[in-house]
Amino acid sequence: MTAIHVSVPVALLQEFDQTIGYHHSRSKKISQLMKHHLSTDGMLIADASSRQLMAALHARKDVDETMKLLLLQILSNSP
């Protein structure tokens, strides 16, 4: 493990701490976020098009088959 120093605005850190709760490790969560960022090529949900989001949902194993059929139908009808 390597220790790093990161500067963030106080309000951002407070909001981050509230979302992870007091029983989770800040370092572990930041490491998970970094791994996710690298594995997804840096793409954020907010940056994805509706078509990309629907395709990603269709590819998931935990999505209901009816939902997958609806997504496929929408994807095939959109430009």
PDB file of N, CA and C in Angstrom:
ATOM      1  N   MET A   1       0.841  -1.190   0.000  1.00  0.00           N
ATOM      2  CA  MET A   1       0.000   0.000   0.000  1.00  0.00           C
ATOM      3  C   MET A   1       0.878   1.242   0.000  1.00  0.00           C
ATOM      4  N   THR A   2       0.378   2.267  -0.648  1.00  0.00           N
ATOM      5  CA  THR A   2       1.051   3.552  -0.678  1.00  0.00           C
ATOM      6  C   THR A   2       0.097   4.605  -0.143  1.00  0.00           C
ATOM      7  N   ALA A   3       0.596   5.450   0.727  1.00  0.00           N
ATOM      8  CA  ALA A   3      -0.198   6.556   1.251  1.00  0.00           C
ATOM      9  C   ALA A   3      -0.042   7.751   0.322  1.00  0.00           C
ATOM     10  N   ILE A   4      -1.164   8.439   0.063  1.00  0.00           N
ATOM     11  CA  ILE A   4      -1.128   9.637  -0.764  1.00  0.00           C
ATOM     12  C   ILE A   4      -1.819  10.766  -0.021  1.00  0.00           C
ATOM     13  N   HIS A   5      -1.534  11.974  -0.434  1.00  0.00           N
ATOM     14  CA  HIS A   5      -2.184  13.153   0.132  1.00  0.00           C
ATOM     15  C   HIS A   5      -3.035  13.778  -0.961  1.00  0.00           C
ATOM     16  N   VAL A   6      -4.303  14.026  -0.676  1.00  0.00           N
ATOM     17  CA  VAL A   6      -5.218  14.597  -1.655  1.00  0.00           C
ATOM     18  C   VAL A   6      -5.911  15.791  -1.032  1.00  0.00           C
ATOM     19  N   SER A   7      -5.975  16.878  -1.765  1.00  0.00           N
ATOM     20  CA  SER A   7      -6.686  18.071  -1.307  1.00  0.00           C
ATOM     21  C   SER A   7      -8.071  18.102  -1.949  1.00  0.00           C
ATOM     22  N   VAL A   8      -9.092  18.229  -1.119  1.00  0.00           N
ATOM     23  CA  VAL A   8     -10.470  18.324  -1.608  1.00  0.00           C
ATOM     24  C   VAL A   8     -11.180  19.420  -0.822  1.00  0.00           C
ATOM     25  N   PRO A   9     -12.184  20.028  -1.419  1.00  0.00           N
ATOM     26  CA  PRO A   9     -12.957  21.029  -0.677  1.00  0.00           C
ATOM     27  C   PRO A   9     -13.621  20.388   0.549  1.00  0.00           C
ATOM     28  N   VAL A  10     -13.693  21.147   1.628  1.00  0.00           N
ATOM     29  CA  VAL A  10     -14.243  20.638   2.889  1.00  0.00           C
ATOM     30  C   VAL A  10     -15.665  20.117   2.702  1.00  0.00           C
ATOM     31  N   ALA A  11     -16.490  20.869   1.979  1.00  0.00           N
ATOM     32  CA  ALA A  11     -17.888  20.459   1.777  1.00  0.00           C
ATOM     33  C   ALA A  11     -17.973  19.129   1.034  1.00  0.00           C
ATOM     34  N   LEU A  12     -17.097  18.929   0.050  1.00  0.00           N
ATOM     35  CA  LEU A  12     -17.084  17.668  -0.697  1.00  0.00           C
ATOM     36  C   LEU A  12     -16.713  16.503   0.216  1.00  0.00           C
ATOM     37  N   LEU A  13     -15.714  16.699   1.055  1.00  0.00           N
ATOM     38  CA  LEU A  13     -15.302  15.645   1.984  1.00  0.00           C
ATOM     39  C   LEU A  13     -16.412  15.323   2.978  1.00  0.00           C
ATOM     40  N   GLN A  14     -17.085  16.341   3.479  1.00  0.00           N
ATOM     41  CA  GLN A  14     -18.184  16.112   4.425  1.00  0.00           C
ATOM     42  C   GLN A  14     -19.315  15.335   3.763  1.00  0.00           C
ATOM     43  N   GLU A  15     -19.652  15.706   2.533  1.00  0.00           N
ATOM     44  CA  GLU A  15     -20.706  14.992   1.811  1.00  0.00           C
ATOM     45  C   GLU A  15     -20.293  13.550   1.530  1.00  0.00           C
ATOM     46  N   PHE A  16     -19.036  13.345   1.141  1.00  0.00           N
ATOM     47  CA  PHE A  16     -18.511  12.005   0.887  1.00  0.00           C
ATOM     48  C   PHE A  16     -18.600  11.154   2.149  1.00  0.00           C
ATOM     49  N   ASP A  17     -18.156  11.702   3.274  1.00  0.00           N
ATOM     50  CA  ASP A  17     -18.195  10.975   4.538  1.00  0.00           C
ATOM     51  C   ASP A  17     -19.621  10.605   4.925  1.00  0.00           C
ATOM     52  N   GLN A  18     -20.572  11.478   4.643  1.00  0.00           N
ATOM     53  CA  GLN A  18     -21.974  11.181   4.959  1.00  0.00           C
ATOM     54  C   GLN A  18     -22.503  10.031   4.110  1.00  0.00           C
ATOM     55  N   THR A  19     -22.055   9.965   2.855  1.00  0.00           N
ATOM     56  CA  THR A  19     -22.561   8.903   1.978  1.00  0.00           C
ATOM     57  C   THR A  19     -21.959   7.542   2.306  1.00  0.00           C
ATOM     58  N   ILE A  20     -20.720   7.506   2.780  1.00  0.00           N
ATOM     59  CA  ILE A  20     -20.116   6.208   3.085  1.00  0.00           C
ATOM     60  C   ILE A  20     -20.395   5.776   4.520  1.00  0.00           C
ATOM     61  N   GLY A  21     -20.817   6.700   5.368  1.00  0.00           N
ATOM     62  CA  GLY A  21     -21.115   6.356   6.749  1.00  0.00           C
ATOM     63  C   GLY A  21     -19.846   6.229   7.576  1.00  0.00           C
ATOM     64  N   TYR A  22     -20.019   6.141   8.856  1.00  0.00           N
ATOM     65  CA  TYR A  22     -18.879   6.119   9.777  1.00  0.00           C
ATOM     66  C   TYR A  22     -18.284   4.726   9.966  1.00  0.00           C
ATOM     67  N   HIS A  23     -18.973   3.694   9.495  1.00  0.00           N
ATOM     68  CA  HIS A  23     -18.470   2.339   9.677  1.00  0.00           C
ATOM     69  C   HIS A  23     -17.704   1.832   8.456  1.00  0.00           C
ATOM     70  N   HIS A  24     -17.510   2.680   7.447  1.00  0.00           N
ATOM     71  CA  HIS A  24     -16.743   2.303   6.262  1.00  0.00           C
ATOM     72  C   HIS A  24     -15.422   3.063   6.206  1.00  0.00           C
ATOM     73  N   SER A  25     -14.467   2.480   5.554  1.00  0.00           N
ATOM     74  CA  SER A  25     -13.153   3.091   5.420  1.00  0.00           C
ATOM     75  C   SER A  25     -13.133   4.053   4.233  1.00  0.00           C
ATOM     76  N   ARG A  26     -12.754   5.292   4.489  1.00  0.00           N
ATOM     77  CA  ARG A  26     -12.638   6.291   3.431  1.00  0.00           C
ATOM     78  C   ARG A  26     -11.608   5.837   2.396  1.00  0.00           C
ATOM     79  N   SER A  27     -10.477   5.325   2.866  1.00  0.00           N
ATOM     80  CA  SER A  27      -9.419   4.877   1.952  1.00  0.00           C
ATOM     81  C   SER A  27      -9.898   3.734   1.069  1.00  0.00           C
ATOM     82  N   LYS A  28     -10.617   2.785   1.676  1.00  0.00           N
ATOM     83  CA  LYS A  28     -11.105   1.648   0.901  1.00  0.00           C
ATOM     84  C   LYS A  28     -12.094   2.110  -0.164  1.00  0.00           C
ATOM     85  N   LYS A  29     -12.980   3.018   0.189  1.00  0.00           N
ATOM     86  CA  LYS A  29     -13.970   3.503  -0.773  1.00  0.00           C
ATOM     87  C   LYS A  29     -13.301   4.262  -1.913  1.00  0.00           C
ATOM     88  N   ILE A  30     -12.318   5.095  -1.611  1.00  0.00           N
ATOM     89  CA  ILE A  30     -11.601   5.830  -2.657  1.00  0.00           C
ATOM     90  C   ILE A  30     -10.867   4.848  -3.567  1.00  0.00           C
ATOM     91  N   SER A  31     -10.278   3.801  -2.995  1.00  0.00           N
ATOM     92  CA  SER A  31      -9.609   2.775  -3.805  1.00  0.00           C
ATOM     93  C   SER A  31     -10.604   2.084  -4.734  1.00  0.00           C
ATOM     94  N   GLN A  32     -11.797   1.763  -4.213  1.00  0.00           N
ATOM     95  CA  GLN A  32     -12.832   1.133  -5.039  1.00  0.00           C
ATOM     96  C   GLN A  32     -13.262   2.058  -6.171  1.00  0.00           C
ATOM     97  N   LEU A  33     -13.416   3.341  -5.879  1.00  0.00           N
ATOM     98  CA  LEU A  33     -13.808   4.300  -6.904  1.00  0.00           C
ATOM     99  C   LEU A  33     -12.734   4.426  -7.982  1.00  0.00           C
ATOM    100  N   MET A  34     -11.475   4.397  -7.581  1.00  0.00           N
ATOM    101  CA  MET A  34     -10.375   4.463  -8.546  1.00  0.00           C
ATOM    102  C   MET A  34     -10.367   3.227  -9.438  1.00  0.00           C
ATOM    103  N   LYS A  35     -10.554   2.038  -8.841  1.00  0.00           N
ATOM    104  CA  LYS A  35     -10.601   0.804  -9.624  1.00  0.00           C
ATOM    105  C   LYS A  35     -11.753   0.839 -10.613  1.00  0.00           C
ATOM    106  N   HIS A  36     -12.915   1.296 -10.145  1.00  0.00           N
ATOM    107  CA  HIS A  36     -14.086   1.384 -11.018  1.00  0.00           C
ATOM    108  C   HIS A  36     -13.824   2.349 -12.174  1.00  0.00           C
ATOM    109  N   HIS A  37     -13.220   3.468 -11.862  1.00  0.00           N
ATOM    110  CA  HIS A  37     -12.910   4.462 -12.895  1.00  0.00           C
ATOM    111  C   HIS A  37     -11.995   3.866 -13.960  1.00  0.00           C
ATOM    112  N   LEU A  38     -10.997   3.125 -13.541  1.00  0.00           N
ATOM    113  CA  LEU A  38     -10.066   2.514 -14.483  1.00  0.00           C
ATOM    114  C   LEU A  38     -10.718   1.393 -15.291  1.00  0.00           C
ATOM    115  N   SER A  39     -11.579   0.616 -14.655  1.00  0.00           N
ATOM    116  CA  SER A  39     -12.197  -0.516 -15.345  1.00  0.00           C
ATOM    117  C   SER A  39     -13.298  -0.093 -16.305  1.00  0.00           C
ATOM    118  N   THR A  40     -13.859   1.086 -16.110  1.00  0.00           N
ATOM    119  CA  THR A  40     -14.929   1.554 -16.997  1.00  0.00           C
ATOM    120  C   THR A  40     -14.429   2.585 -17.987  1.00  0.00           C
ATOM    121  N   ASP A  41     -13.133   2.679 -18.115  1.00  0.00           N
ATOM    122  CA  ASP A  41     -12.534   3.629 -19.047  1.00  0.00           C
ATOM    123  C   ASP A  41     -12.879   5.060 -18.672  1.00  0.00           C
ATOM    124  N   GLY A  42     -13.148   5.271 -17.389  1.00  0.00           N
ATOM    125  CA  GLY A  42     -13.419   6.618 -16.912  1.00  0.00           C
ATOM    126  C   GLY A  42     -14.817   7.135 -17.204  1.00  0.00           C
ATOM    127  N   MET A  43     -15.680   6.293 -17.752  1.00  0.00           N
ATOM    128  CA  MET A  43     -17.015   6.741 -18.120  1.00  0.00           C
ATOM    129  C   MET A  43     -17.910   6.830 -16.891  1.00  0.00           C
ATOM    130  N   LEU A  44     -18.611   7.930 -16.764  1.00  0.00           N
ATOM    131  CA  LEU A  44     -19.555   8.120 -15.683  1.00  0.00           C
ATOM    132  C   LEU A  44     -20.967   7.939 -16.213  1.00  0.00           C
ATOM    133  N   ILE A  45     -21.872   7.548 -15.340  1.00  0.00           N
ATOM    134  CA  ILE A  45     -23.264   7.363 -15.749  1.00  0.00           C
ATOM    135  C   ILE A  45     -23.812   8.659 -16.332  1.00  0.00           C
ATOM    136  N   ALA A  46     -23.470   9.781 -15.734  1.00  0.00           N
ATOM    137  CA  ALA A  46     -23.959  11.065 -16.215  1.00  0.00           C
ATOM    138  C   ALA A  46     -23.478  11.366 -17.632  1.00  0.00           C
ATOM    139  N   ASP A  47     -22.356  10.784 -18.034  1.00  0.00           N
ATOM    140  CA  ASP A  47     -21.799  11.021 -19.369  1.00  0.00           C
ATOM    141  C   ASP A  47     -22.354  10.070 -20.430  1.00  0.00           C
ATOM    142  N   ALA A  48     -23.012   9.008 -20.001  1.00  0.00           N
ATOM    143  CA  ALA A  48     -23.500   7.996 -20.931  1.00  0.00           C
ATOM    144  C   ALA A  48     -24.791   8.458 -21.603  1.00  0.00           C
ATOM    145  N   SER A  49     -24.940   8.076 -22.860  1.00  0.00           N
ATOM    146  CA  SER A  49     -26.190   8.375 -23.562  1.00  0.00           C
ATOM    147  C   SER A  49     -27.273   7.408 -23.077  1.00  0.00           C
ATOM    148  N   SER A  50     -28.501   7.737 -23.358  1.00  0.00           N
ATOM    149  CA  SER A  50     -29.604   6.847 -22.979  1.00  0.00           C
ATOM    150  C   SER A  50     -29.434   5.486 -23.632  1.00  0.00           C
ATOM    151  N   ARG A  51     -29.003   5.481 -24.887  1.00  0.00           N
ATOM    152  CA  ARG A  51     -28.782   4.223 -25.614  1.00  0.00           C
ATOM    153  C   ARG A  51     -27.709   3.378 -24.922  1.00  0.00           C
ATOM    154  N   GLN A  52     -26.613   4.018 -24.486  1.00  0.00           N
ATOM    155  CA  GLN A  52     -25.550   3.290 -23.792  1.00  0.00           C
ATOM    156  C   GLN A  52     -26.057   2.722 -22.465  1.00  0.00           C
ATOM    157  N   LEU A  53     -26.865   3.492 -21.752  1.00  0.00           N
ATOM    158  CA  LEU A  53     -27.407   3.013 -20.483  1.00  0.00           C
ATOM    159  C   LEU A  53     -28.341   1.831 -20.688  1.00  0.00           C
ATOM    160  N   MET A  54     -29.199   1.911 -21.707  1.00  0.00           N
ATOM    161  CA  MET A  54     -30.115   0.806 -21.985  1.00  0.00           C
ATOM    162  C   MET A  54     -29.348  -0.444 -22.397  1.00  0.00           C
ATOM    163  N   ALA A  55     -28.305  -0.273 -23.210  1.00  0.00           N
ATOM    164  CA  ALA A  55     -27.495  -1.418 -23.627  1.00  0.00           C
ATOM    165  C   ALA A  55     -26.781  -2.042 -22.430  1.00  0.00           C
ATOM    166  N   ALA A  56     -26.299  -1.211 -21.518  1.00  0.00           N
ATOM    167  CA  ALA A  56     -25.628  -1.724 -20.326  1.00  0.00           C
ATOM    168  C   ALA A  56     -26.611  -2.494 -19.442  1.00  0.00           C
ATOM    169  N   LEU A  57     -27.819  -1.980 -19.303  1.00  0.00           N
ATOM    170  CA  LEU A  57     -28.837  -2.690 -18.521  1.00  0.00           C
ATOM    171  C   LEU A  57     -29.189  -4.025 -19.174  1.00  0.00           C
ATOM    172  N   HIS A  58     -29.299  -4.025 -20.489  1.00  0.00           N
ATOM    173  CA  HIS A  58     -29.629  -5.256 -21.201  1.00  0.00           C
ATOM    174  C   HIS A  58     -28.560  -6.322 -20.985  1.00  0.00           C
ATOM    175  N   ALA A  59     -27.307  -5.905 -20.838  1.00  0.00           N
ATOM    176  CA  ALA A  59     -26.205  -6.851 -20.685  1.00  0.00           C
ATOM    177  C   ALA A  59     -26.070  -7.405 -19.263  1.00  0.00           C
ATOM    178  N   ARG A  60     -26.726  -6.771 -18.304  1.00  0.00           N
ATOM    179  CA  ARG A  60     -26.602  -7.228 -16.909  1.00  0.00           C
ATOM    180  C   ARG A  60     -27.361  -8.526 -16.677  1.00  0.00           C
ATOM    181  N   LYS A  61     -26.829  -9.347 -15.796  1.00  0.00           N
ATOM    182  CA  LYS A  61     -27.456 -10.637 -15.479  1.00  0.00           C
ATOM    183  C   LYS A  61     -28.599 -10.496 -14.465  1.00  0.00           C
ATOM    184  N   ASP A  62     -28.624  -9.385 -13.723  1.00  0.00           N
ATOM    185  CA  ASP A  62     -29.633  -9.221 -12.680  1.00  0.00           C
ATOM    186  C   ASP A  62     -30.871  -8.451 -13.152  1.00  0.00           C
ATOM    187  N   VAL A  63     -30.992  -8.228 -14.464  1.00  0.00           N
ATOM    188  CA  VAL A  63     -32.148  -7.526 -15.014  1.00  0.00           C
ATOM    189  C   VAL A  63     -33.177  -8.546 -15.480  1.00  0.00           C
ATOM    190  N   ASP A  64     -34.410  -8.313 -15.122  1.00  0.00           N
ATOM    191  CA  ASP A  64     -35.528  -9.179 -15.474  1.00  0.00           C
ATOM    192  C   ASP A  64     -35.617  -9.369 -16.996  1.00  0.00           C
ATOM    193  N   GLU A  65     -35.967 -10.573 -17.430  1.00  0.00           N
ATOM    194  CA  GLU A  65     -36.038 -10.883 -18.860  1.00  0.00           C
ATOM    195  C   GLU A  65     -37.059 -10.009 -19.593  1.00  0.00           C
ATOM    196  N   THR A  66     -38.169  -9.686 -18.944  1.00  0.00           N
ATOM    197  CA  THR A  66     -39.165  -8.815 -19.574  1.00  0.00           C
ATOM    198  C   THR A  66     -38.566  -7.440 -19.833  1.00  0.00           C
ATOM    199  N   MET A  67     -37.815  -6.937 -18.853  1.00  0.00           N
ATOM    200  CA  MET A  67     -37.160  -5.648 -19.019  1.00  0.00           C
ATOM    201  C   MET A  67     -36.133  -5.702 -20.150  1.00  0.00           C
ATOM    202  N   LYS A  68     -35.417  -6.813 -20.249  1.00  0.00           N
ATOM    203  CA  LYS A  68     -34.434  -6.966 -21.331  1.00  0.00           C
ATOM    204  C   LYS A  68     -35.110  -6.932 -22.698  1.00  0.00           C
ATOM    205  N   LEU A  69     -36.265  -7.602 -22.819  1.00  0.00           N
ATOM    206  CA  LEU A  69     -36.993  -7.590 -24.089  1.00  0.00           C
ATOM    207  C   LEU A  69     -37.465  -6.189 -24.444  1.00  0.00           C
ATOM    208  N   LEU A  70     -37.953  -5.452 -23.446  1.00  0.00           N
ATOM    209  CA  LEU A  70     -38.388  -4.077 -23.683  1.00  0.00           C
ATOM    210  C   LEU A  70     -37.214  -3.194 -24.086  1.00  0.00           C
ATOM    211  N   LEU A  71     -36.090  -3.362 -23.420  1.00  0.00           N
ATOM    212  CA  LEU A  71     -34.896  -2.580 -23.751  1.00  0.00           C
ATOM    213  C   LEU A  71     -34.433  -2.878 -25.169  1.00  0.00           C
ATOM    214  N   LEU A  72     -34.436  -4.162 -25.529  1.00  0.00           N
ATOM    215  CA  LEU A  72     -34.025  -4.570 -26.868  1.00  0.00           C
ATOM    216  C   LEU A  72     -34.952  -3.969 -27.915  1.00  0.00           C
ATOM    217  N   GLN A  73     -36.232  -3.964 -27.631  1.00  0.00           N
ATOM    218  CA  GLN A  73     -37.201  -3.387 -28.555  1.00  0.00           C
ATOM    219  C   GLN A  73     -36.957  -1.884 -28.713  1.00  0.00           C
ATOM    220  N   ILE A  74     -36.722  -1.193 -27.629  1.00  0.00           N
ATOM    221  CA  ILE A  74     -36.453   0.251 -27.692  1.00  0.00           C
ATOM    222  C   ILE A  74     -35.153   0.515 -28.443  1.00  0.00           C
ATOM    223  N   LEU A  75     -34.130  -0.272 -28.142  1.00  0.00           N
ATOM    224  CA  LEU A  75     -32.829  -0.083 -28.807  1.00  0.00           C
ATOM    225  C   LEU A  75     -32.933  -0.317 -30.314  1.00  0.00           C
ATOM    226  N   SER A  76     -33.721  -1.296 -30.724  1.00  0.00           N
ATOM    227  CA  SER A  76     -33.828  -1.601 -32.151  1.00  0.00           C
ATOM    228  C   SER A  76     -34.636  -0.547 -32.900  1.00  0.00           C
ATOM    229  N   ASN A  77     -35.475   0.195 -32.184  1.00  0.00           N
ATOM    230  CA  ASN A  77     -36.303   1.229 -32.828  1.00  0.00           C
ATOM    231  C   ASN A  77     -35.667   2.598 -32.793  1.00  0.00           C
ATOM    232  N   SER A  78     -34.624   2.796 -31.995  1.00  0.00           N
ATOM    233  CA  SER A  78     -34.023   4.124 -31.897  1.00  0.00           C
ATOM    234  C   SER A  78     -32.892   4.279 -32.912  1.00  0.00           C
ATOM    235  N   PRO A  79     -32.640   5.529 -33.339  1.00  0.00           N
ATOM    236  CA  PRO A  79     -31.614   5.763 -34.369  1.00  0.00           C
ATOM    237  C   PRO A  79     -30.202   5.488 -33.901  1.00  0.00           C
TER     238      PRO A  79
END
